Amino acid sequence: MTALRTLLFAPGNHARRVEKAMGLPADGVILDLEDAVAIAEKAATRPTVVEAYRKPRAGELYVRVNALSTEWCYGDLVAVVRAGLDGIILPKVEHAHEARTADWLLGNLEQERGLPAGGIDLIPIIETALGISNLHAICSAGTRIRRIAFGAGDFTLDMGMVWTRDEAELLPHRAACVLASRAAGLEPPLDTVWADLRDPEGFVASARHAAALGFQGKMCIHPDQIGPANAAFTPDDAAIARAKRIVEAFDKAEAEGLASIQLDGQFIDYPIVQRARRVLAQGGL
């Protein structure tokens, strides 16, 4: 599994910002046809997005289309599913049948255009109360979906919540995304954007909290967020060194017939070792 620590949004109708975004060290870029594009420009922006597929890029390339409930989604998919696209971001998913519909459409477009079957990734954003209530069904729909994303902006709007700086009101819903993903055998989910660009410290706290909850990465809306997010979702040198010591000590003990040991006063058994191995894998070791 290659983690998506950072997915950076770029407005699909702004060619210069798109080109700049694609050269930045985000794990992926999302060319946006939804919220960043005015209604009058949505159809006209599709060719601009497709043209960007030819540009050099540092990471994966996704397109956020409009929701299936809108008049633009079908046209978006028909226009943008081409060679060079890595995946589709599908907003405001609320039902399993929407996931299956999008999967069916992508499958047919892949077949029609000679693309590898199942090669286009599909990431639904869960951002309404109905979507959260149907999380298990969406995650278990048997589609090409490998991970979901949580969107707090529309979710708090839908719920009538105040999106506070410490995001305590989001905790049960973030946890639900992680739980449903794990139960369905999906990868860890992607966390919401951080909207207040004047508060970089708040962004760092949000990213670290999401990483601690079990998210694999965070959606970003500004280039300055890439570095802190990559750091938040990557084990630091101290964590990697600690994980190495745990694995080495336990492997030695296990070879001698022991399945639990103490290291620096900490009890170490199989779950702790498995966590340490995961840290090493996240660090590329």
C-alpha atoms as a PDB file:
ATOM      1  CA  MET A   1       0.000   0.000   0.000  1.00  0.00           C
ATOM      2  CA  THR A   2       1.324   3.438  -0.981  1.00  0.00           C
ATOM      3  CA  ALA A   3      -0.165   5.922   1.452  1.00  0.00           C
ATOM      4  CA  LEU A   4      -1.655   9.173   0.233  1.00  0.00           C
ATOM      5  CA  ARG A   5      -0.420  11.490   2.963  1.00  0.00           C
ATOM      6  CA  THR A   6      -1.337  14.631   1.060  1.00  0.00           C
ATOM      7  CA  LEU A   7      -3.856  15.328  -1.671  1.00  0.00           C
ATOM      8  CA  LEU A   8      -3.706  18.970  -2.786  1.00  0.00           C
ATOM      9  CA  PHE A   9      -6.732  20.616  -4.379  1.00  0.00           C
ATOM     10  CA  ALA A  10      -6.238  22.875  -7.390  1.00  0.00           C
ATOM     11  CA  PRO A  11      -9.060  24.666  -9.257  1.00  0.00           C
ATOM     12  CA  GLY A  12      -9.512  22.949 -12.593  1.00  0.00           C
ATOM     13  CA  ASN A  13     -10.200  26.223 -14.386  1.00  0.00           C
ATOM     14  CA  HIS A  14      -6.915  27.849 -13.359  1.00  0.00           C
ATOM     15  CA  ALA A  15      -4.224  26.370 -15.629  1.00  0.00           C
ATOM     16  CA  ARG A  16      -1.265  28.109 -13.955  1.00  0.00           C
ATOM     17  CA  ARG A  17      -2.253  26.976 -10.468  1.00  0.00           C
ATOM     18  CA  VAL A  18      -2.832  23.457 -11.761  1.00  0.00           C
ATOM     19  CA  GLU A  19       0.612  23.322 -13.359  1.00  0.00           C
ATOM     20  CA  LYS A  20       2.243  24.640 -10.188  1.00  0.00           C
ATOM     21  CA  ALA A  21       0.355  22.178  -7.977  1.00  0.00           C
ATOM     22  CA  MET A  22       1.437  19.218 -10.090  1.00  0.00           C
ATOM     23  CA  GLY A  23       5.099  19.999  -9.453  1.00  0.00           C
ATOM     24  CA  LEU A  24       4.774  20.221  -5.668  1.00  0.00           C
ATOM     25  CA  PRO A  25       5.720  17.373  -3.282  1.00  0.00           C
ATOM     26  CA  ALA A  26       2.162  16.290  -2.526  1.00  0.00           C
ATOM     27  CA  ASP A  27       1.433  12.586  -2.936  1.00  0.00           C
ATOM     28  CA  GLY A  28      -1.421  13.560  -5.216  1.00  0.00           C
ATOM     29  CA  VAL A  29      -3.193  16.531  -6.792  1.00  0.00           C
ATOM     30  CA  ILE A  30      -6.965  16.890  -7.114  1.00  0.00           C
ATOM     31  CA  LEU A  31      -8.086  18.971 -10.075  1.00  0.00           C
ATOM     32  CA  ASP A  32     -11.420  20.354  -8.938  1.00  0.00           C
ATOM     33  CA  LEU A  33     -14.563  20.563 -11.027  1.00  0.00           C
ATOM     34  CA  GLU A  34     -16.867  20.972  -8.033  1.00  0.00           C
ATOM     35  CA  ASP A  35     -16.673  23.731  -5.419  1.00  0.00           C
ATOM     36  CA  ALA A  36     -13.788  25.656  -7.018  1.00  0.00           C
ATOM     37  CA  VAL A  37     -15.581  26.077 -10.348  1.00  0.00           C
ATOM     38  CA  ALA A  38     -18.590  28.333 -10.914  1.00  0.00           C
ATOM     39  CA  ILE A  39     -21.696  26.733 -12.377  1.00  0.00           C
ATOM     40  CA  ALA A  40     -21.340  28.691 -15.619  1.00  0.00           C
ATOM     41  CA  GLU A  41     -17.797  27.367 -16.117  1.00  0.00           C
ATOM     42  CA  LYS A  42     -18.179  23.699 -15.188  1.00  0.00           C
ATOM     43  CA  ALA A  43     -18.606  22.239 -18.669  1.00  0.00           C
ATOM     44  CA  ALA A  44     -16.002  24.565 -20.180  1.00  0.00           C
ATOM     45  CA  THR A  45     -13.444  23.554 -17.555  1.00  0.00           C
ATOM     46  CA  ARG A  46     -13.467  19.863 -18.456  1.00  0.00           C
ATOM     47  CA  PRO A  47     -11.124  20.168 -21.482  1.00  0.00           C
ATOM     48  CA  THR A  48      -8.737  22.294 -19.426  1.00  0.00           C
ATOM     49  CA  VAL A  49      -8.550  19.538 -16.824  1.00  0.00           C
ATOM     50  CA  VAL A  50      -7.911  16.850 -19.442  1.00  0.00           C
ATOM     51  CA  GLU A  51      -5.177  18.966 -21.023  1.00  0.00           C
ATOM     52  CA  ALA A  52      -3.364  18.937 -17.683  1.00  0.00           C
ATOM     53  CA  TYR A  53      -2.859  15.152 -17.954  1.00  0.00           C
ATOM     54  CA  ARG A  54       0.003  15.850 -20.365  1.00  0.00           C
ATOM     55  CA  LYS A  55       1.919  17.990 -17.873  1.00  0.00           C
ATOM     56  CA  PRO A  56       4.783  16.590 -15.792  1.00  0.00           C
ATOM     57  CA  ARG A  57       3.725  15.712 -12.263  1.00  0.00           C
ATOM     58  CA  ALA A  58       5.300  14.591  -9.038  1.00  0.00           C
ATOM     59  CA  GLY A  59       2.451  12.452  -7.679  1.00  0.00           C
ATOM     60  CA  GLU A  60      -0.918  10.903  -8.451  1.00  0.00           C
ATOM     61  CA  LEU A  61      -3.530  12.832 -10.433  1.00  0.00           C
ATOM     62  CA  TYR A  62      -7.184  12.878  -9.359  1.00  0.00           C
ATOM     63  CA  VAL A  63     -10.203  14.847 -10.507  1.00  0.00           C
ATOM     64  CA  ARG A  64     -13.033  15.823  -8.184  1.00  0.00           C
ATOM     65  CA  VAL A  65     -16.182  15.657 -10.260  1.00  0.00           C
ATOM     66  CA  ASN A  66     -19.550  16.985  -9.201  1.00  0.00           C
ATOM     67  CA  ALA A  67     -21.853  14.822  -7.084  1.00  0.00           C
ATOM     68  CA  LEU A  68     -23.898  12.089  -8.728  1.00  0.00           C
ATOM     69  CA  SER A  69     -27.049  13.945  -7.707  1.00  0.00           C
ATOM     70  CA  THR A  70     -26.112  16.905  -9.934  1.00  0.00           C
ATOM     71  CA  GLU A  71     -26.613  17.467 -13.633  1.00  0.00           C
ATOM     72  CA  TRP A  72     -22.845  17.649 -14.240  1.00  0.00           C
ATOM     73  CA  CYS A  73     -21.490  14.385 -12.841  1.00  0.00           C
ATOM     74  CA  TYR A  74     -22.129  12.180 -15.869  1.00  0.00           C
ATOM     75  CA  GLY A  75     -20.643  14.726 -18.252  1.00  0.00           C
ATOM     76  CA  ASP A  76     -17.659  15.177 -15.941  1.00  0.00           C
ATOM     77  CA  LEU A  77     -16.897  11.456 -15.940  1.00  0.00           C
ATOM     78  CA  VAL A  78     -17.329  11.071 -19.693  1.00  0.00           C
ATOM     79  CA  ALA A  79     -14.975  13.994 -20.256  1.00  0.00           C
ATOM     80  CA  VAL A  80     -12.201  13.250 -17.770  1.00  0.00           C
ATOM     81  CA  VAL A  81     -11.823   9.455 -17.783  1.00  0.00           C
ATOM     82  CA  ARG A  82      -8.819   9.222 -20.074  1.00  0.00           C
ATOM     83  CA  ALA A  83      -5.338   7.766 -20.051  1.00  0.00           C
ATOM     84  CA  GLY A  84      -3.246   9.679 -17.545  1.00  0.00           C
ATOM     85  CA  LEU A  85      -5.928   9.900 -14.862  1.00  0.00           C
ATOM     86  CA  ASP A  86      -5.237   8.023 -11.641  1.00  0.00           C
ATOM     87  CA  GLY A  87      -8.538   8.477  -9.886  1.00  0.00           C
ATOM     88  CA  ILE A  88     -11.860  10.191  -9.291  1.00  0.00           C
ATOM     89  CA  ILE A  89     -12.900  12.028  -6.141  1.00  0.00           C
ATOM     90  CA  LEU A  90     -16.680  11.705  -5.787  1.00  0.00           C
ATOM     91  CA  PRO A  91     -18.224  14.201  -3.352  1.00  0.00           C
ATOM     92  CA  LYS A  92     -21.270  13.904  -1.107  1.00  0.00           C
ATOM     93  CA  VAL A  93     -21.698  10.141  -1.367  1.00  0.00           C
ATOM     94  CA  GLU A  94     -24.617   9.077   0.831  1.00  0.00           C
ATOM     95  CA  HIS A  95     -25.637   5.596  -0.365  1.00  0.00           C
ATOM     96  CA  ALA A  96     -23.965   2.366  -1.434  1.00  0.00           C
ATOM     97  CA  HIS A  97     -25.848   2.472  -4.729  1.00  0.00           C
ATOM     98  CA  GLU A  98     -24.053   5.719  -5.595  1.00  0.00           C
ATOM     99  CA  ALA A  99     -20.716   3.984  -5.113  1.00  0.00           C
ATOM    100  CA  ARG A 100     -21.854   1.096  -7.313  1.00  0.00           C
ATOM    101  CA  THR A 101     -23.201   3.472  -9.978  1.00  0.00           C
ATOM    102  CA  ALA A 102     -19.915   5.377 -10.156  1.00  0.00           C
ATOM    103  CA  ASP A 103     -18.005   2.096 -10.300  1.00  0.00           C
ATOM    104  CA  TRP A 104     -20.220   0.861 -13.153  1.00  0.00           C
ATOM    105  CA  LEU A 105     -19.774   4.088 -15.110  1.00  0.00           C
ATOM    106  CA  LEU A 106     -16.005   4.034 -14.655  1.00  0.00           C
ATOM    107  CA  GLY A 107     -15.849   0.370 -15.679  1.00  0.00           C
ATOM    108  CA  ASN A 108     -17.747   1.025 -18.887  1.00  0.00           C
ATOM    109  CA  LEU A 109     -15.647   4.053 -19.753  1.00  0.00           C
ATOM    110  CA  GLU A 110     -12.460   2.063 -19.143  1.00  0.00           C
ATOM    111  CA  GLN A 111     -13.667  -0.701 -21.448  1.00  0.00           C
ATOM    112  CA  GLU A 112     -14.809   1.730 -24.132  1.00  0.00           C
ATOM    113  CA  ARG A 113     -11.500   3.586 -24.119  1.00  0.00           C
ATOM    114  CA  GLY A 114      -9.110   0.678 -23.849  1.00  0.00           C
ATOM    115  CA  LEU A 115      -8.001   1.482 -20.302  1.00  0.00           C
ATOM    116  CA  PRO A 116      -7.038  -1.189 -17.753  1.00  0.00           C
ATOM    117  CA  ALA A 117     -10.106  -2.582 -16.027  1.00  0.00           C
ATOM    118  CA  GLY A 118     -10.373  -1.164 -12.515  1.00  0.00           C
ATOM    119  CA  GLY A 119      -7.378   1.088 -13.050  1.00  0.00           C
ATOM    120  CA  ILE A 120      -9.187   4.313 -12.162  1.00  0.00           C
ATOM    121  CA  ASP A 121      -9.280   4.750  -8.393  1.00  0.00           C
ATOM    122  CA  LEU A 122     -12.508   5.987  -6.778  1.00  0.00           C
ATOM    123  CA  ILE A 123     -12.488   7.944  -3.513  1.00  0.00           C
ATOM    124  CA  PRO A 124     -15.895   8.948  -2.147  1.00  0.00           C
ATOM    125  CA  ILE A 125     -16.073  11.903   0.223  1.00  0.00           C
ATOM    126  CA  ILE A 126     -18.425  11.340   3.134  1.00  0.00           C
ATOM    127  CA  GLU A 127     -19.736  14.762   4.090  1.00  0.00           C
ATOM    128  CA  THR A 128     -23.359  14.531   5.199  1.00  0.00           C
ATOM    129  CA  ALA A 129     -25.266  12.971   8.083  1.00  0.00           C
ATOM    130  CA  LEU A 130     -26.808  10.454   5.693  1.00  0.00           C
ATOM    131  CA  GLY A 131     -23.389   9.512   4.363  1.00  0.00           C
ATOM    132  CA  ILE A 132     -22.064   8.918   7.883  1.00  0.00           C
ATOM    133  CA  SER A 133     -25.132   6.847   8.779  1.00  0.00           C
ATOM    134  CA  ASN A 134     -24.564   4.663   5.689  1.00  0.00           C
ATOM    135  CA  LEU A 135     -20.793   4.335   6.102  1.00  0.00           C
ATOM    136  CA  HIS A 136     -20.748   0.564   6.530  1.00  0.00           C
ATOM    137  CA  ALA A 137     -22.845  -0.020   3.410  1.00  0.00           C
ATOM    138  CA  ILE A 138     -20.738   2.388   1.340  1.00  0.00           C
ATOM    139  CA  CYS A 139     -17.445   0.860   2.473  1.00  0.00           C
ATOM    140  CA  SER A 140     -18.778  -2.667   1.949  1.00  0.00           C
ATOM    141  CA  ALA A 141     -20.397  -2.051  -1.449  1.00  0.00           C
ATOM    142  CA  GLY A 142     -17.919  -4.302  -3.275  1.00  0.00           C
ATOM    143  CA  THR A 143     -16.645  -1.607  -5.614  1.00  0.00           C
ATOM    144  CA  ARG A 144     -13.207  -0.354  -6.705  1.00  0.00           C
ATOM    145  CA  ILE A 145     -13.169   1.962  -3.668  1.00  0.00           C
ATOM    146  CA  ARG A 146      -9.948   1.394  -1.687  1.00  0.00           C
ATOM    147  CA  ARG A 147     -10.312   4.308   0.722  1.00  0.00           C
ATOM    148  CA  ILE A 148     -12.847   6.946   1.650  1.00  0.00           C
ATOM    149  CA  ALA A 149     -12.430  10.594   2.662  1.00  0.00           C
ATOM    150  CA  PHE A 150     -14.155  12.695   5.304  1.00  0.00           C
ATOM    151  CA  GLY A 151     -15.277  16.240   4.492  1.00  0.00           C
ATOM    152  CA  ALA A 152     -15.944  18.401   7.542  1.00  0.00           C
ATOM    153  CA  GLY A 153     -17.005  21.591   5.766  1.00  0.00           C
ATOM    154  CA  ASP A 154     -20.182  20.256   4.207  1.00  0.00           C
ATOM    155  CA  PHE A 155     -20.714  17.851   7.094  1.00  0.00           C
ATOM    156  CA  THR A 156     -20.812  20.567   9.744  1.00  0.00           C
ATOM    157  CA  LEU A 157     -23.046  22.642   7.463  1.00  0.00           C
ATOM    158  CA  ASP A 158     -25.421  19.720   7.038  1.00  0.00           C
ATOM    159  CA  MET A 159     -25.464  19.047  10.766  1.00  0.00           C
ATOM    160  CA  GLY A 160     -25.785  22.681  11.839  1.00  0.00           C
ATOM    161  CA  MET A 161     -22.542  22.291  13.804  1.00  0.00           C
ATOM    162  CA  VAL A 162     -19.924  24.915  14.552  1.00  0.00           C
ATOM    163  CA  TRP A 163     -16.552  23.740  13.181  1.00  0.00           C
ATOM    164  CA  THR A 164     -14.290  24.702  16.066  1.00  0.00           C
ATOM    165  CA  ARG A 165     -10.523  25.017  16.163  1.00  0.00           C
ATOM    166  CA  ASP A 166     -10.004  21.896  18.311  1.00  0.00           C
ATOM    167  CA  GLU A 167     -12.503  19.918  16.179  1.00  0.00           C
ATOM    168  CA  ALA A 168     -13.854  18.013  19.194  1.00  0.00           C
ATOM    169  CA  GLU A 169     -17.269  17.888  17.505  1.00  0.00           C
ATOM    170  CA  LEU A 170     -15.721  15.875  14.641  1.00  0.00           C
ATOM    171  CA  LEU A 171     -14.199  13.121  16.776  1.00  0.00           C
ATOM    172  CA  PRO A 172     -17.053  10.548  16.651  1.00  0.00           C
ATOM    173  CA  HIS A 173     -17.509  11.018  12.918  1.00  0.00           C
ATOM    174  CA  ARG A 174     -13.824  10.776  12.115  1.00  0.00           C
ATOM    175  CA  ALA A 175     -13.615   7.668  14.276  1.00  0.00           C
ATOM    176  CA  ALA A 176     -16.607   6.213  12.438  1.00  0.00           C
ATOM    177  CA  CYS A 177     -14.790   6.643   9.108  1.00  0.00           C
ATOM    178  CA  VAL A 178     -11.730   4.816  10.433  1.00  0.00           C
ATOM    179  CA  LEU A 179     -13.819   2.044  11.984  1.00  0.00           C
ATOM    180  CA  ALA A 180     -15.993   1.443   8.920  1.00  0.00           C
ATOM    181  CA  SER A 181     -12.957   1.433   6.639  1.00  0.00           C
ATOM    182  CA  ARG A 182     -11.147  -1.113   8.781  1.00  0.00           C
ATOM    183  CA  ALA A 183     -14.218  -3.329   9.163  1.00  0.00           C
ATOM    184  CA  ALA A 184     -14.695  -3.396   5.382  1.00  0.00           C
ATOM    185  CA  GLY A 185     -11.034  -4.159   4.694  1.00  0.00           C
ATOM    186  CA  LEU A 186     -10.312  -0.792   3.092  1.00  0.00           C
ATOM    187  CA  GLU A 187      -7.191   1.304   3.501  1.00  0.00           C
ATOM    188  CA  PRO A 188      -7.246   3.962   6.224  1.00  0.00           C
ATOM    189  CA  PRO A 189      -9.300   6.990   5.162  1.00  0.00           C
ATOM    190  CA  LEU A 190      -8.273  10.518   4.195  1.00  0.00           C
ATOM    191  CA  ASP A 191      -9.042  13.408   6.514  1.00  0.00           C
ATOM    192  CA  THR A 192     -10.836  16.651   5.821  1.00  0.00           C
ATOM    193  CA  VAL A 193      -9.265  19.879   4.653  1.00  0.00           C
ATOM    194  CA  TRP A 194      -8.371  22.651   7.118  1.00  0.00           C
ATOM    195  CA  ALA A 195     -10.084  25.818   5.994  1.00  0.00           C
ATOM    196  CA  ASP A 196      -8.386  28.545   8.053  1.00  0.00           C
ATOM    197  CA  LEU A 197      -5.233  29.431   6.154  1.00  0.00           C
ATOM    198  CA  ARG A 198      -4.382  32.055   8.789  1.00  0.00           C
ATOM    199  CA  ASP A 199      -3.888  29.311  11.382  1.00  0.00           C
ATOM    200  CA  PRO A 200      -1.063  26.968  10.311  1.00  0.00           C
ATOM    201  CA  GLU A 201      -0.618  25.742  13.887  1.00  0.00           C
ATOM    202  CA  GLY A 202      -4.240  24.634  13.888  1.00  0.00           C
ATOM    203  CA  PHE A 203      -3.635  22.740  10.660  1.00  0.00           C
ATOM    204  CA  VAL A 204      -0.665  20.901  12.164  1.00  0.00           C
ATOM    205  CA  ALA A 205      -2.709  19.958  15.236  1.00  0.00           C
ATOM    206  CA  SER A 206      -5.558  18.747  13.020  1.00  0.00           C
ATOM    207  CA  ALA A 207      -3.229  16.630  10.878  1.00  0.00           C
ATOM    208  CA  ARG A 208      -1.499  15.080  13.885  1.00  0.00           C
ATOM    209  CA  HIS A 209      -4.830  14.299  15.498  1.00  0.00           C
ATOM    210  CA  ALA A 210      -6.087  12.632  12.307  1.00  0.00           C
ATOM    211  CA  ALA A 211      -2.903  10.556  12.080  1.00  0.00           C
ATOM    212  CA  ALA A 212      -3.341   9.448  15.697  1.00  0.00           C
ATOM    213  CA  LEU A 213      -6.930   8.428  14.948  1.00  0.00           C
ATOM    214  CA  GLY A 214      -5.809   6.151  12.113  1.00  0.00           C
ATOM    215  CA  PHE A 215      -6.179   8.265   8.969  1.00  0.00           C
ATOM    216  CA  GLN A 216      -3.540   7.780   6.278  1.00  0.00           C
ATOM    217  CA  GLY A 217      -3.451  11.357   5.042  1.00  0.00           C
ATOM    218  CA  LYS A 218      -5.154  14.711   4.675  1.00  0.00           C
ATOM    219  CA  MET A 219      -6.660  16.719   1.872  1.00  0.00           C
ATOM    220  CA  CYS A 220      -4.980  20.120   1.505  1.00  0.00           C
ATOM    221  CA  ILE A 221      -6.046  23.438  -0.005  1.00  0.00           C
ATOM    222  CA  HIS A 222      -2.755  25.367   0.033  1.00  0.00           C
ATOM    223  CA  PRO A 223       0.830  24.436  -0.900  1.00  0.00           C
ATOM    224  CA  ASP A 224       2.067  25.504   2.544  1.00  0.00           C
ATOM    225  CA  GLN A 225       0.075  22.634   4.058  1.00  0.00           C
ATOM    226  CA  ILE A 226       1.927  19.913   2.149  1.00  0.00           C
ATOM    227  CA  GLY A 227       5.103  19.750   4.234  1.00  0.00           C
ATOM    228  CA  PRO A 228       3.386  19.721   7.638  1.00  0.00           C
ATOM    229  CA  ALA A 229       0.879  17.101   6.473  1.00  0.00           C
ATOM    230  CA  ASN A 230       3.569  14.857   5.011  1.00  0.00           C
ATOM    231  CA  ALA A 231       5.413  15.118   8.333  1.00  0.00           C
ATOM    232  CA  ALA A 232       2.309  14.394  10.401  1.00  0.00           C
ATOM    233  CA  PHE A 233       1.607  11.172   8.529  1.00  0.00           C
ATOM    234  CA  THR A 234       5.227   9.987   8.358  1.00  0.00           C
ATOM    235  CA  PRO A 235       7.009   8.494  11.396  1.00  0.00           C
ATOM    236  CA  ASP A 236       9.839  10.718  12.617  1.00  0.00           C
ATOM    237  CA  ASP A 237      13.387   9.510  13.255  1.00  0.00           C
ATOM    238  CA  ALA A 238      12.716   8.866  16.946  1.00  0.00           C
ATOM    239  CA  ALA A 239       9.652   6.748  16.197  1.00  0.00           C
ATOM    240  CA  ILE A 240      11.538   4.736  13.582  1.00  0.00           C
ATOM    241  CA  ALA A 241      14.491   4.193  15.909  1.00  0.00           C
ATOM    242  CA  ARG A 242      12.159   3.047  18.678  1.00  0.00           C
ATOM    243  CA  ALA A 243      10.327   0.687  16.319  1.00  0.00           C
ATOM    244  CA  LYS A 244      13.627  -0.836  15.182  1.00  0.00           C
ATOM    245  CA  ARG A 245      14.667  -1.501  18.795  1.00  0.00           C
ATOM    246  CA  ILE A 246      11.319  -3.131  19.560  1.00  0.00           C
ATOM    247  CA  VAL A 247      11.438  -5.411  16.518  1.00  0.00           C
ATOM    248  CA  GLU A 248      15.067  -6.386  17.052  1.00  0.00           C
ATOM    249  CA  ALA A 249      14.577  -7.124  20.759  1.00  0.00           C
ATOM    250  CA  PHE A 250      11.409  -9.107  20.178  1.00  0.00           C
ATOM    251  CA  ASP A 251      12.832 -11.120  17.292  1.00  0.00           C
ATOM    252  CA  LYS A 252      15.759 -12.099  19.497  1.00  0.00           C
ATOM    253  CA  ALA A 253      13.436 -13.063  22.366  1.00  0.00           C
ATOM    254  CA  GLU A 254      11.095 -14.988  20.077  1.00  0.00           C
ATOM    255  CA  ALA A 255      14.010 -17.015  18.736  1.00  0.00           C
ATOM    256  CA  GLU A 256      14.661 -18.007  22.329  1.00  0.00           C
ATOM    257  CA  GLY A 257      11.045 -19.087  22.860  1.00  0.00           C
ATOM    258  CA  LEU A 258       9.641 -15.920  24.451  1.00  0.00           C
ATOM    259  CA  ALA A 259       6.519 -14.140  23.203  1.00  0.00           C
ATOM    260  CA  SER A 260       6.533 -11.232  25.637  1.00  0.00           C
ATOM    261  CA  ILE A 261       9.375  -9.091  26.952  1.00  0.00           C
ATOM    262  CA  GLN A 262      10.083  -5.758  28.606  1.00  0.00           C
ATOM    263  CA  LEU A 263      12.014  -3.007  26.871  1.00  0.00           C
ATOM    264  CA  ASP A 264      12.826   0.197  28.748  1.00  0.00           C
ATOM    265  CA  GLY A 265      10.041  -0.622  31.198  1.00  0.00           C
ATOM    266  CA  GLN A 266       7.418  -1.192  28.480  1.00  0.00           C
ATOM    267  CA  PHE A 267       5.656  -4.521  28.046  1.00  0.00           C
ATOM    268  CA  ILE A 268       6.168  -5.837  24.511  1.00  0.00           C
ATOM    269  CA  ASP A 269       4.061  -8.577  22.927  1.00  0.00           C
ATOM    270  CA  TYR A 270       2.772  -9.382  19.450  1.00  0.00           C
ATOM    271  CA  PRO A 271       0.379  -6.399  19.030  1.00  0.00           C
ATOM    272  CA  ILE A 272       3.121  -3.956  20.075  1.00  0.00           C
ATOM    273  CA  VAL A 273       5.567  -5.568  17.657  1.00  0.00           C
ATOM    274  CA  GLN A 274       3.045  -5.486  14.839  1.00  0.00           C
ATOM    275  CA  ARG A 275       2.531  -1.786  15.476  1.00  0.00           C
ATOM    276  CA  ALA A 276       6.314  -1.277  15.373  1.00  0.00           C
ATOM    277  CA  ARG A 277       6.539  -3.137  12.065  1.00  0.00           C
ATOM    278  CA  ARG A 278       3.790  -0.880  10.706  1.00  0.00           C
ATOM    279  CA  VAL A 279       5.781   2.193  11.737  1.00  0.00           C
ATOM    280  CA  LEU A 280       8.794   0.844   9.871  1.00  0.00           C
ATOM    281  CA  ALA A 281       6.674   0.170   6.799  1.00  0.00           C
ATOM    282  CA  GLN A 282       5.272   3.712   6.924  1.00  0.00           C
ATOM    283  CA  GLY A 283       8.848   4.945   7.082  1.00  0.00           C
ATOM    284  CA  GLY A 284       9.749   2.974   3.979  1.00  0.00           C
ATOM    285  CA  LEU A 285      11.786   0.360   5.866  1.00  0.00           C
END
